[in-house]
């Protein structure tokens, strides 16, 4: 499957909250088909950067281009229609609704029929609804959540809720998928499942992804490129093997060399 175009270019992006400088002239890029990670200590500006990309924050200066179009000031719903989907650090699902209903909600941005035709449930509406359901069934099968499709989200274990949130983002059929700490709070087994899903999305679906993550073993094993933020500034970028040996990264983020060797894989 060929990847849908998803070229992201961030140029000299700055973001301030009063006297606090969350981001300072950050520049980075993501090319179609890449799986890119953004790392950094708490407070480095990672989530602020994701919120700028997805329209939740408006940067103080700089620009964001998506497929050559300036999207710096566009609201979130416009960015969704352009092909940018995301998951959140804190799960943002509707706990009183079923898994299937949460996924269906994401498809409203793809609906083309009017309110009146929906009330009459015209033949064209039926055909479109069948199409939406077929897309969701593919996602449900892919994420292996058939058995919980009718369960209330609020009754599910944390790891399964993270999986459902990934499914809701995929229901938007994004060309660029933004993942904010997709492994946070998961058990080892749940992390292994999520790694498997993300790798299949990347290798099999051609999905372009940018993710924020603290688990260095995962970042170094699945990412093609890594960007490091520190105090709102870009500290380094490069391949995982380059980042894990970068002296500035070791000092500013990963600690002493002994800690680095303990935390990171050797690149096997």
Protein backbone atom coordinates (compact mmCIF):
# COMPACT_ATOMS: atom_id res chain seq x y z
CA UNK A 1 0.00 0.00 0.00
CA UNK A 2 1.45 3.35 -1.01
CA UNK A 3 1.56 6.09 1.60
CA UNK A 4 -0.67 9.13 1.21
CA UNK A 5 1.37 12.30 0.95
CA UNK A 6 2.09 13.68 4.41
CA UNK A 7 5.00 16.10 4.28
CA UNK A 8 5.24 18.22 7.43
CA UNK A 9 7.63 21.17 7.69
CA UNK A 10 7.96 23.19 10.90
CA UNK A 11 10.04 26.35 10.59
CA UNK A 12 11.37 28.43 13.49
CA UNK A 13 8.31 27.71 15.65
CA UNK A 14 8.02 29.59 18.95
CA UNK A 15 5.29 29.43 21.59
CA UNK A 16 4.93 31.52 24.73
CA UNK A 17 2.52 31.42 27.66
CA UNK A 18 2.95 34.79 29.32
CA UNK A 19 6.56 34.85 30.41
CA UNK A 20 7.09 31.13 29.84
CA UNK A 21 8.79 30.15 26.58
CA UNK A 22 7.43 26.68 25.77
CA UNK A 23 9.06 26.47 22.32
CA UNK A 24 11.89 28.54 20.90
CA UNK A 25 12.55 28.56 17.13
CA UNK A 26 11.99 24.84 16.67
CA UNK A 27 12.40 23.47 13.14
CA UNK A 28 11.81 19.90 12.06
CA UNK A 29 10.36 17.93 9.19
CA UNK A 30 8.54 14.66 8.60
CA UNK A 31 8.49 13.08 5.15
CA UNK A 32 5.78 10.85 3.73
CA UNK A 33 6.03 7.29 5.04
CA UNK A 34 8.34 8.10 7.96
CA UNK A 35 7.96 7.11 11.60
CA UNK A 36 9.57 9.93 13.57
CA UNK A 37 9.89 10.28 17.34
CA UNK A 38 10.18 13.41 19.50
CA UNK A 39 11.83 12.89 22.87
CA UNK A 40 12.93 15.07 25.76
CA UNK A 41 12.57 15.43 29.54
CA UNK A 42 9.33 16.54 31.17
CA UNK A 43 8.66 20.17 30.34
CA UNK A 44 10.79 20.09 27.19
CA UNK A 45 7.87 21.22 25.03
CA UNK A 46 6.95 17.94 23.33
CA UNK A 47 3.19 18.07 23.87
CA UNK A 48 3.19 21.81 23.16
CA UNK A 49 4.73 21.01 19.78
CA UNK A 50 2.10 18.33 19.09
CA UNK A 51 -0.65 20.78 20.08
CA UNK A 52 0.71 23.34 17.61
CA UNK A 53 0.80 20.75 14.82
CA UNK A 54 -2.80 19.72 15.49
CA UNK A 55 -4.23 23.22 15.95
CA UNK A 56 -4.86 23.24 19.70
CA UNK A 57 -2.23 25.92 20.28
CA UNK A 58 -1.45 28.90 18.07
CA UNK A 59 2.31 29.56 17.95
CA UNK A 60 3.71 32.99 18.72
CA UNK A 61 5.87 32.95 15.59
CA UNK A 62 7.15 30.62 12.91
CA UNK A 63 5.22 28.50 10.45
CA UNK A 64 3.86 24.99 9.94
CA UNK A 65 3.41 23.63 6.42
CA UNK A 66 1.56 20.44 5.55
CA UNK A 67 1.97 19.18 2.00
CA UNK A 68 3.21 22.64 1.06
CA UNK A 69 0.21 24.47 2.56
CA UNK A 70 0.60 26.86 5.49
CA UNK A 71 -1.58 25.53 8.33
CA UNK A 72 -0.15 27.54 11.24
CA UNK A 73 -3.42 29.28 12.16
CA UNK A 74 -5.96 26.65 11.08
CA UNK A 75 -8.31 25.22 13.75
CA UNK A 76 -8.26 21.53 14.65
CA UNK A 77 -11.33 20.54 12.64
CA UNK A 78 -9.83 22.03 9.48
CA UNK A 79 -6.60 20.11 10.05
CA UNK A 80 -8.57 16.90 10.49
CA UNK A 81 -10.19 17.43 7.11
CA UNK A 82 -6.72 17.99 5.60
CA UNK A 83 -5.55 14.62 6.89
CA UNK A 84 -4.01 15.13 10.34
CA UNK A 85 -5.27 12.83 13.11
CA UNK A 86 -4.02 12.35 16.65
CA UNK A 87 -4.22 10.49 19.91
CA UNK A 88 -3.85 12.23 23.27
CA UNK A 89 -1.56 11.83 26.27
CA UNK A 90 -4.68 11.62 28.45
CA UNK A 91 -7.29 9.40 26.81
CA UNK A 92 -10.06 11.53 25.30
CA UNK A 93 -12.81 8.96 24.67
CA UNK A 94 -16.48 8.94 25.71
CA UNK A 95 -16.54 6.41 28.60
CA UNK A 96 -20.33 6.04 28.60
CA UNK A 97 -20.42 4.98 24.94
CA UNK A 98 -19.45 1.68 23.36
CA UNK A 99 -16.22 1.07 21.49
CA UNK A 100 -18.09 0.99 18.18
CA UNK A 101 -19.93 4.24 18.92
CA UNK A 102 -16.65 5.99 19.77
CA UNK A 103 -15.22 4.87 16.44
CA UNK A 104 -18.36 5.89 14.56
CA UNK A 105 -18.13 9.39 16.01
CA UNK A 106 -14.85 9.89 14.21
CA UNK A 107 -16.51 9.18 10.88
CA UNK A 108 -18.82 12.21 11.09
CA UNK A 109 -16.09 14.30 9.48
CA UNK A 110 -16.32 12.05 6.42
CA UNK A 111 -20.12 12.14 6.11
CA UNK A 112 -21.39 13.85 2.95
CA UNK A 113 -25.15 13.56 3.41
CA UNK A 114 -27.36 16.29 4.85
CA UNK A 115 -29.35 16.23 8.08
CA UNK A 116 -32.60 15.98 6.13
CA UNK A 117 -31.47 13.02 4.01
CA UNK A 118 -30.18 11.31 7.14
CA UNK A 119 -33.59 11.70 8.81
CA UNK A 120 -35.25 10.16 5.75
CA UNK A 121 -32.51 7.52 5.58
CA UNK A 122 -32.36 7.69 1.80
CA UNK A 123 -30.73 5.01 -0.29
CA UNK A 124 -27.64 7.18 -0.78
CA UNK A 125 -27.33 7.52 2.99
CA UNK A 126 -27.59 3.76 3.42
CA UNK A 127 -24.80 3.20 0.89
CA UNK A 128 -22.56 5.70 2.62
CA UNK A 129 -23.26 4.19 6.05
CA UNK A 130 -22.27 0.76 4.71
CA UNK A 131 -19.01 2.26 3.47
CA UNK A 132 -18.28 3.82 6.87
CA UNK A 133 -19.00 0.53 8.62
CA UNK A 134 -16.70 -1.39 6.27
CA UNK A 135 -13.82 0.97 7.08
CA UNK A 136 -14.44 0.59 10.80
CA UNK A 137 -14.62 -3.20 10.52
CA UNK A 138 -11.17 -3.19 8.93
CA UNK A 139 -9.83 -1.11 11.83
CA UNK A 140 -11.54 -3.32 14.43
CA UNK A 141 -10.02 -6.44 12.86
CA UNK A 142 -6.60 -4.82 12.59
CA UNK A 143 -6.55 -3.77 16.26
CA UNK A 144 -8.02 -7.09 17.40
CA UNK A 145 -10.87 -5.51 19.34
CA UNK A 146 -13.76 -7.56 17.92
CA UNK A 147 -14.64 -8.99 21.34
CA UNK A 148 -15.06 -5.56 22.97
CA UNK A 149 -16.85 -3.69 20.19
CA UNK A 150 -20.10 -3.47 22.20
CA UNK A 151 -18.44 -2.84 25.57
CA UNK A 152 -18.61 0.55 27.26
CA UNK A 153 -15.23 2.24 26.97
CA UNK A 154 -15.30 3.21 30.65
CA UNK A 155 -15.38 -0.47 31.65
CA UNK A 156 -12.23 -1.40 29.70
CA UNK A 157 -8.67 -1.76 31.05
CA UNK A 158 -6.39 1.19 30.36
CA UNK A 159 -4.39 -0.57 27.67
CA UNK A 160 -7.49 -1.44 25.66
CA UNK A 161 -8.75 2.13 25.92
CA UNK A 162 -5.45 3.32 24.42
CA UNK A 163 -6.01 0.86 21.59
CA UNK A 164 -9.53 2.16 21.02
CA UNK A 165 -8.22 5.72 20.91
CA UNK A 166 -5.74 4.66 18.23
CA UNK A 167 -8.67 3.14 16.36
CA UNK A 168 -10.63 6.37 16.56
CA UNK A 169 -7.69 8.30 15.13
CA UNK A 170 -7.36 5.76 12.30
CA UNK A 171 -11.09 6.10 11.58
CA UNK A 172 -10.30 9.61 10.36
CA UNK A 173 -8.12 8.02 7.66
CA UNK A 174 -5.29 10.47 8.40
CA UNK A 175 -2.32 10.86 6.11
CA UNK A 176 -0.31 12.07 9.15
CA UNK A 177 -0.91 10.39 12.52
CA UNK A 178 0.25 12.32 15.61
CA UNK A 179 0.70 10.13 18.70
CA UNK A 180 1.22 11.73 22.11
CA UNK A 181 2.73 9.13 24.47
CA UNK A 182 0.84 6.11 23.04
CA UNK A 183 2.63 3.73 25.45
CA UNK A 184 2.12 5.69 28.68
CA UNK A 185 0.67 3.66 31.54
CA UNK A 186 0.76 0.36 29.67
CA UNK A 187 1.97 -3.02 30.89
CA UNK A 188 4.84 -4.72 29.05
CA UNK A 189 2.42 -6.98 27.17
CA UNK A 190 0.25 -4.03 26.16
CA UNK A 191 3.32 -2.15 24.93
CA UNK A 192 4.36 -5.14 22.84
CA UNK A 193 0.93 -5.20 21.22
CA UNK A 194 1.02 -1.47 20.50
CA UNK A 195 4.51 -1.74 18.98
CA UNK A 196 3.21 -4.49 16.72
CA UNK A 197 0.27 -2.34 15.59
CA UNK A 198 2.42 0.72 14.91
CA UNK A 199 4.99 -1.26 12.95
CA UNK A 200 2.25 -2.84 10.84
CA UNK A 201 0.72 0.60 10.26
CA UNK A 202 4.10 1.86 9.12
CA UNK A 203 5.27 -1.12 7.09
CA UNK A 204 1.94 -2.47 5.80
CA UNK A 205 -0.32 0.58 5.61
CA UNK A 206 2.35 3.12 4.73
CA UNK A 207 1.17 5.34 7.58
CA UNK A 208 3.22 8.47 8.28
CA UNK A 209 3.61 9.02 12.04
CA UNK A 210 5.18 11.43 14.49
CA UNK A 211 5.13 10.33 18.11
CA UNK A 212 6.12 11.62 21.53
CA UNK A 213 7.37 8.89 23.82
CA UNK A 214 9.41 8.46 27.02
CA UNK A 215 10.20 4.74 26.65
CA UNK A 216 13.63 4.88 25.05
CA UNK A 217 13.82 1.19 24.21
CA UNK A 218 10.68 1.57 22.07
CA UNK A 219 11.78 4.85 20.50
CA UNK A 220 15.16 3.46 19.48
CA UNK A 221 13.72 0.23 18.09
CA UNK A 222 10.88 1.57 15.92
CA UNK A 223 11.81 5.14 14.90
CA UNK A 224 13.56 6.06 11.67
CA UNK A 225 14.56 9.50 12.96
CA UNK A 226 14.54 11.07 16.41
CA UNK A 227 14.22 14.75 17.39
CA UNK A 228 15.33 15.80 20.87
CA UNK A 229 13.83 18.81 22.63
CA UNK A 230 15.26 20.40 25.75
CA UNK A 231 13.84 23.53 27.44
CA UNK A 232 11.73 24.24 24.34
CA UNK A 233 14.65 24.13 21.90
CA UNK A 234 15.72 21.46 19.46
CA UNK A 235 18.84 19.89 20.90
CA UNK A 236 19.57 17.25 18.26
CA UNK A 237 18.12 15.17 15.45
CA UNK A 238 19.23 12.06 13.62
CA UNK A 239 18.95 8.31 13.38
CA UNK A 240 18.38 6.41 16.64
CA UNK A 241 22.00 5.17 16.74
CA UNK A 242 23.24 8.74 16.30
CA UNK A 243 20.98 10.08 19.05
CA UNK A 244 21.86 7.45 21.62
CA UNK A 245 25.56 8.31 21.23
CA UNK A 246 25.09 12.09 21.00
CA UNK A 247 27.02 13.72 23.89
CA UNK A 248 24.62 16.66 24.28
CA UNK A 249 21.66 14.29 24.49
CA UNK A 250 23.44 12.13 27.03
CA UNK A 251 24.17 15.15 29.22
CA UNK A 252 20.86 17.01 28.87
CA UNK A 253 18.33 14.20 28.74
CA UNK A 254 19.59 10.69 29.29
CA UNK A 255 22.01 11.26 32.14
CA UNK A 256 25.46 9.76 32.47
CA UNK A 257 26.87 7.23 30.03
CA UNK A 258 26.28 4.39 32.44
CA UNK A 259 22.58 5.28 32.61
CA UNK A 260 22.44 5.55 28.84
CA UNK A 261 23.86 2.09 28.37
CA UNK A 262 21.36 0.74 30.84
CA UNK A 263 18.31 2.47 29.31
CA UNK A 264 18.93 2.12 25.58
CA UNK A 265 19.29 -0.92 23.33
CA UNK A 266 22.53 -1.34 21.46
CA UNK A 267 20.83 -0.90 18.09
CA UNK A 268 20.56 -4.60 17.27
